[in-house]
C-alpha atoms as a PDB file:
ATOM      1  CA  MET A   1       0.000   0.000   0.000  1.00  0.00           C
ATOM      2  CA  MET A   2       1.443   3.395  -1.008  1.00  0.00           C
ATOM      3  CA  LEU A   3       0.765   6.457   1.030  1.00  0.00           C
ATOM      4  CA  ASN A   4       0.263   9.824  -0.617  1.00  0.00           C
ATOM      5  CA  MET A   5       3.220  11.808   0.655  1.00  0.00           C
ATOM      6  CA  ALA A   6       2.228  15.255  -0.624  1.00  0.00           C
ATOM      7  CA  LEU A   7       4.516  18.025   0.488  1.00  0.00           C
ATOM      8  CA  GLU A   8       3.230  20.915   2.507  1.00  0.00           C
ATOM      9  CA  CYS A   9       2.580  23.909   0.262  1.00  0.00           C
ATOM     10  CA  ARG A  10       5.345  26.490   0.106  1.00  0.00           C
ATOM     11  CA  THR A  11       5.634  29.877  -1.499  1.00  0.00           C
ATOM     12  CA  ALA A  12       8.366  29.798  -4.099  1.00  0.00           C
ATOM     13  CA  TYR A  13       9.743  32.950  -5.687  1.00  0.00           C
ATOM     14  CA  LEU A  14      10.870  32.742  -9.290  1.00  0.00           C
ATOM     15  CA  LEU A  15      12.653  35.303 -11.422  1.00  0.00           C
ATOM     16  CA  LEU A  16      11.796  35.246 -15.103  1.00  0.00           C
ATOM     17  CA  GLY A  17      13.906  36.931 -17.719  1.00  0.00           C
ATOM     18  CA  GLY A  18      14.749  37.032 -21.377  1.00  0.00           C
ATOM     19  CA  ASN A  19      16.281  39.245 -24.025  1.00  0.00           C
ATOM     20  CA  LEU A  20      15.423  37.553 -27.334  1.00  0.00           C
ATOM     21  CA  GLY A  21      12.242  37.365 -29.381  1.00  0.00           C
ATOM     22  CA  ASN A  22       9.047  38.957 -28.100  1.00  0.00           C
ATOM     23  CA  ARG A  23      10.262  39.409 -24.540  1.00  0.00           C
ATOM     24  CA  GLU A  24       6.892  40.302 -22.982  1.00  0.00           C
ATOM     25  CA  GLU A  25       5.124  37.436 -24.739  1.00  0.00           C
ATOM     26  CA  ASN A  26       7.823  35.014 -23.550  1.00  0.00           C
ATOM     27  CA  LEU A  27       7.303  36.141 -19.935  1.00  0.00           C
ATOM     28  CA  SER A  28       3.545  35.742 -20.330  1.00  0.00           C
ATOM     29  CA  LYS A  29       3.855  32.242 -21.820  1.00  0.00           C
ATOM     30  CA  ALA A  30       6.245  31.241 -19.024  1.00  0.00           C
ATOM     31  CA  ILE A  31       3.761  32.410 -16.373  1.00  0.00           C
ATOM     32  CA  GLU A  32       0.984  30.419 -18.058  1.00  0.00           C
ATOM     33  CA  LEU A  33       3.123  27.252 -18.108  1.00  0.00           C
ATOM     34  CA  ILE A  34       4.268  27.813 -14.515  1.00  0.00           C
ATOM     35  CA  THR A  35       0.622  28.063 -13.441  1.00  0.00           C
ATOM     36  CA  ASP A  36      -0.174  24.827 -15.298  1.00  0.00           C
ATOM     37  CA  ASN A  37       2.864  22.867 -14.081  1.00  0.00           C
ATOM     38  CA  ILE A  38       4.253  24.276 -10.843  1.00  0.00           C
ATOM     39  CA  GLY A  39       1.622  26.066  -8.799  1.00  0.00           C
ATOM     40  CA  GLU A  40      -0.867  28.840  -8.276  1.00  0.00           C
ATOM     41  CA  ILE A  41       0.367  32.399  -8.777  1.00  0.00           C
ATOM     42  CA  GLU A  42       0.166  34.496  -5.599  1.00  0.00           C
ATOM     43  CA  SER A  43       1.725  37.689  -6.932  1.00  0.00           C
ATOM     44  CA  ILE A  44       3.489  39.067  -9.994  1.00  0.00           C
ATOM     45  CA  SER A  45       5.847  42.023 -10.098  1.00  0.00           C
ATOM     46  CA  SER A  46       5.922  44.708 -12.715  1.00  0.00           C
ATOM     47  CA  ILE A  47       8.178  44.053 -15.673  1.00  0.00           C
ATOM     48  CA  TYR A  48      11.632  45.611 -15.450  1.00  0.00           C
ATOM     49  CA  GLU A  49      13.980  46.327 -18.333  1.00  0.00           C
ATOM     50  CA  THR A  50      17.558  45.646 -17.399  1.00  0.00           C
ATOM     51  CA  ALA A  51      20.908  46.082 -19.047  1.00  0.00           C
ATOM     52  CA  ALA A  52      22.617  42.721 -19.561  1.00  0.00           C
ATOM     53  CA  TRP A  53      24.589  41.542 -16.527  1.00  0.00           C
ATOM     54  CA  GLY A  54      27.829  39.578 -16.707  1.00  0.00           C
ATOM     55  CA  LYS A  55      28.059  39.449 -20.486  1.00  0.00           C
ATOM     56  CA  THR A  56      27.136  42.990 -21.477  1.00  0.00           C
ATOM     57  CA  ASP A  57      27.386  42.875 -25.299  1.00  0.00           C
ATOM     58  CA  GLN A  58      23.794  41.760 -25.817  1.00  0.00           C
ATOM     59  CA  PRO A  59      20.257  43.205 -25.854  1.00  0.00           C
ATOM     60  CA  ALA A  60      18.564  44.388 -22.651  1.00  0.00           C
ATOM     61  CA  PHE A  61      16.562  41.885 -20.625  1.00  0.00           C
ATOM     62  CA  LEU A  62      13.027  42.022 -19.347  1.00  0.00           C
ATOM     63  CA  ASN A  63      12.746  40.591 -15.834  1.00  0.00           C
ATOM     64  CA  GLN A  64       9.769  39.798 -13.642  1.00  0.00           C
ATOM     65  CA  ALA A  65       9.412  38.114 -10.258  1.00  0.00           C
ATOM     66  CA  ILE A  66       6.506  35.871  -9.330  1.00  0.00           C
ATOM     67  CA  ALA A  67       5.409  34.192  -6.135  1.00  0.00           C
ATOM     68  CA  ILE A  68       3.728  30.813  -6.499  1.00  0.00           C
ATOM     69  CA  MET A  69       2.108  28.451  -4.030  1.00  0.00           C
ATOM     70  CA  THR A  70       3.350  24.954  -4.764  1.00  0.00           C
ATOM     71  CA  ASN A  71       3.371  21.505  -3.216  1.00  0.00           C
ATOM     72  CA  LEU A  72       6.401  20.500  -5.294  1.00  0.00           C
ATOM     73  CA  SER A  73       9.832  20.184  -3.697  1.00  0.00           C
ATOM     74  CA  ALA A  74      12.465  22.782  -4.576  1.00  0.00           C
ATOM     75  CA  ILE A  75      14.232  20.338  -6.911  1.00  0.00           C
ATOM     76  CA  GLN A  76      10.903  19.508  -8.602  1.00  0.00           C
ATOM     77  CA  VAL A  77      10.248  23.235  -9.091  1.00  0.00           C
ATOM     78  CA  LEU A  78      13.681  23.564 -10.715  1.00  0.00           C
ATOM     79  CA  ASP A  79      13.093  20.534 -12.960  1.00  0.00           C
ATOM     80  CA  LYS A  80       9.699  21.881 -14.084  1.00  0.00           C
ATOM     81  CA  ALA A  81      11.210  25.341 -14.686  1.00  0.00           C
ATOM     82  CA  LEU A  82      13.915  23.802 -16.884  1.00  0.00           C
ATOM     83  CA  GLU A  83      11.242  21.873 -18.818  1.00  0.00           C
ATOM     84  CA  ILE A  84       9.287  25.100 -19.354  1.00  0.00           C
ATOM     85  CA  GLU A  85      12.432  26.868 -20.596  1.00  0.00           C
ATOM     86  CA  LYS A  86      12.939  24.054 -23.098  1.00  0.00           C
ATOM     87  CA  ILE A  87       9.287  24.157 -24.261  1.00  0.00           C
ATOM     88  CA  LEU A  88       9.669  27.907 -24.862  1.00  0.00           C
ATOM     89  CA  GLY A  89      12.791  27.381 -26.955  1.00  0.00           C
ATOM     90  CA  ARG A  90      15.624  28.039 -24.506  1.00  0.00           C
ATOM     91  CA  VAL A  91      18.979  26.857 -25.792  1.00  0.00           C
ATOM     92  CA  ARG A  92      21.865  26.959 -23.321  1.00  0.00           C
ATOM     93  CA  LYS A  93      25.041  28.209 -24.982  1.00  0.00           C
ATOM     94  CA  ASP A  94      27.015  30.790 -23.043  1.00  0.00           C
ATOM     95  CA  LYS A  95      26.890  31.483 -19.325  1.00  0.00           C
ATOM     96  CA  TRP A  96      25.003  34.780 -18.949  1.00  0.00           C
ATOM     97  CA  GLY A  97      24.318  34.721 -22.701  1.00  0.00           C
ATOM     98  CA  GLU A  98      21.293  35.733 -24.733  1.00  0.00           C
ATOM     99  CA  ARG A  99      18.137  33.735 -24.128  1.00  0.00           C
ATOM    100  CA  LEU A 100      14.468  33.569 -24.973  1.00  0.00           C
ATOM    101  CA  ILE A 101      13.567  32.757 -21.364  1.00  0.00           C
ATOM    102  CA  ASP A 102      15.275  32.095 -18.069  1.00  0.00           C
ATOM    103  CA  ILE A 103      13.479  30.896 -14.949  1.00  0.00           C
ATOM    104  CA  ASP A 104      15.433  30.962 -11.682  1.00  0.00           C
ATOM    105  CA  LEU A 105      14.273  29.706  -8.303  1.00  0.00           C
ATOM    106  CA  ILE A 106      15.177  32.553  -5.937  1.00  0.00           C
ATOM    107  CA  LEU A 107      13.511  31.529  -2.660  1.00  0.00           C
ATOM    108  CA  TYR A 108      11.583  28.436  -1.553  1.00  0.00           C
ATOM    109  CA  GLY A 109       9.672  29.216   1.637  1.00  0.00           C
ATOM    110  CA  ASN A 110      12.194  29.717   4.427  1.00  0.00           C
ATOM    111  CA  ASP A 111      14.177  26.708   3.285  1.00  0.00           C
ATOM    112  CA  VAL A 112      17.888  26.566   2.613  1.00  0.00           C
ATOM    113  CA  VAL A 113      18.514  24.020  -0.140  1.00  0.00           C
ATOM    114  CA  ASP A 114      21.857  22.776  -1.450  1.00  0.00           C
ATOM    115  CA  VAL A 115      21.698  19.910  -3.937  1.00  0.00           C
ATOM    116  CA  ASP A 116      25.256  19.352  -5.165  1.00  0.00           C
ATOM    117  CA  ASN A 117      25.901  21.585  -8.172  1.00  0.00           C
ATOM    118  CA  LYS A 118      22.280  21.488  -9.313  1.00  0.00           C
ATOM    119  CA  LEU A 119      20.405  23.834  -6.973  1.00  0.00           C
ATOM    120  CA  LYS A 120      21.175  26.339  -4.242  1.00  0.00           C
ATOM    121  CA  VAL A 121      18.330  28.228  -2.555  1.00  0.00           C
ATOM    122  CA  PRO A 122      18.262  31.030  -1.622  1.00  0.00           C
ATOM    123  CA  HIS A 123      19.814  31.892  -4.968  1.00  0.00           C
ATOM    124  CA  PRO A 124      23.451  32.476  -3.965  1.00  0.00           C
ATOM    125  CA  HIS A 125      23.814  35.773  -5.885  1.00  0.00           C
ATOM    126  CA  MET A 126      20.362  37.308  -5.464  1.00  0.00           C
ATOM    127  CA  GLN A 127      21.554  39.957  -2.990  1.00  0.00           C
ATOM    128  CA  GLU A 128      24.218  41.159  -5.449  1.00  0.00           C
ATOM    129  CA  ARG A 129      21.923  41.688  -8.433  1.00  0.00           C
ATOM    130  CA  LYS A 130      19.660  44.684  -8.761  1.00  0.00           C
ATOM    131  CA  PHE A 131      17.678  43.029 -11.578  1.00  0.00           C
ATOM    132  CA  VAL A 132      16.662  40.317  -9.096  1.00  0.00           C
ATOM    133  CA  MET A 133      16.121  42.516  -6.064  1.00  0.00           C
ATOM    134  CA  ALA A 134      14.025  45.266  -7.723  1.00  0.00           C
ATOM    135  CA  PRO A 135      11.117  42.973  -8.702  1.00  0.00           C
ATOM    136  CA  MET A 136      11.538  40.901  -5.521  1.00  0.00           C
ATOM    137  CA  ALA A 137      11.327  44.049  -3.368  1.00  0.00           C
ATOM    138  CA  GLU A 138       8.086  44.923  -5.142  1.00  0.00           C
ATOM    139  CA  ILE A 139       6.286  41.637  -4.348  1.00  0.00           C
ATOM    140  CA  ALA A 140       8.072  40.431  -1.193  1.00  0.00           C
ATOM    141  CA  PRO A 141       9.560  43.427   0.660  1.00  0.00           C
ATOM    142  CA  ASP A 142       9.044  41.948   4.133  1.00  0.00           C
ATOM    143  CA  ILE A 143      10.239  38.407   3.407  1.00  0.00           C
ATOM    144  CA  VAL A 144      13.359  37.642   5.437  1.00  0.00           C
ATOM    145  CA  HIS A 145      16.300  36.098   3.583  1.00  0.00           C
ATOM    146  CA  PRO A 146      16.756  32.736   5.363  1.00  0.00           C
ATOM    147  CA  VAL A 147      20.560  33.018   5.460  1.00  0.00           C
ATOM    148  CA  LEU A 148      21.237  36.754   5.746  1.00  0.00           C
ATOM    149  CA  GLY A 149      18.424  37.334   8.266  1.00  0.00           C
ATOM    150  CA  ILE A 150      17.341  40.662   6.752  1.00  0.00           C
ATOM    151  CA  THR A 151      14.344  41.578   4.617  1.00  0.00           C
ATOM    152  CA  ILE A 152      14.281  41.771   0.849  1.00  0.00           C
ATOM    153  CA  SER A 153      13.633  45.524   1.067  1.00  0.00           C
ATOM    154  CA  GLU A 154      16.684  45.979   3.332  1.00  0.00           C
ATOM    155  CA  ILE A 155      18.837  44.043   0.860  1.00  0.00           C
ATOM    156  CA  PHE A 156      17.506  46.156  -2.026  1.00  0.00           C
ATOM    157  CA  GLU A 157      18.057  49.445  -0.175  1.00  0.00           C
ATOM    158  CA  ASN A 158      21.711  48.522   0.423  1.00  0.00           C
ATOM    159  CA  ILE A 159      22.559  46.933  -2.915  1.00  0.00           C
ATOM    160  CA  THR A 160      25.777  48.159  -4.523  1.00  0.00           C
ATOM    161  CA  ASP A 161      24.971  46.961  -8.070  1.00  0.00           C
ATOM    162  CA  ASP A 162      24.621  50.066 -10.259  1.00  0.00           C
ATOM    163  CA  LEU A 163      23.125  48.294 -13.278  1.00  0.00           C
ATOM    164  CA  ASP A 164      20.251  50.173 -14.950  1.00  0.00           C
ATOM    165  CA  VAL A 165      16.960  48.544 -13.929  1.00  0.00           C
ATOM    166  CA  ASN A 166      13.821  50.385 -15.042  1.00  0.00           C
ATOM    167  CA  LYS A 167      10.209  49.508 -14.313  1.00  0.00           C
ATOM    168  CA  LEU A 168       8.118  49.466 -17.492  1.00  0.00           C
END
């Protein structure tokens, strides 16, 4: 006899981004597929246009943060996000390179997750990147970073990244 071992629901925060094709349409399609495959949307940030980070000789990105209620584990959320990227035409070439869509798991409840080289949550560089923190501060200002012990809005207020991030 198998028992149904459903996980307790968690709020997961995802950052969506892309700089190729119809950027807004790609974000919209990703949100639709996330709703169908990962969980119910709790909140969605505005869309932000951001200069490319890391590899700067490419078009500007659109970024958006979403909060979803899910009963999937963090690794299952990542696996589903990677599947959605593939469905939407993501091809992985260069680190920080151009892409149709990128879906990153930023936070998963209050959990700290480290699965070898596959997944680290909280996202290990979120506090260094304005393009992550601007939309996160919009939808989750009072959420406390489970490692740093300070709120998202406090992280955003003190960020040293000077990359141009503009709300559309």
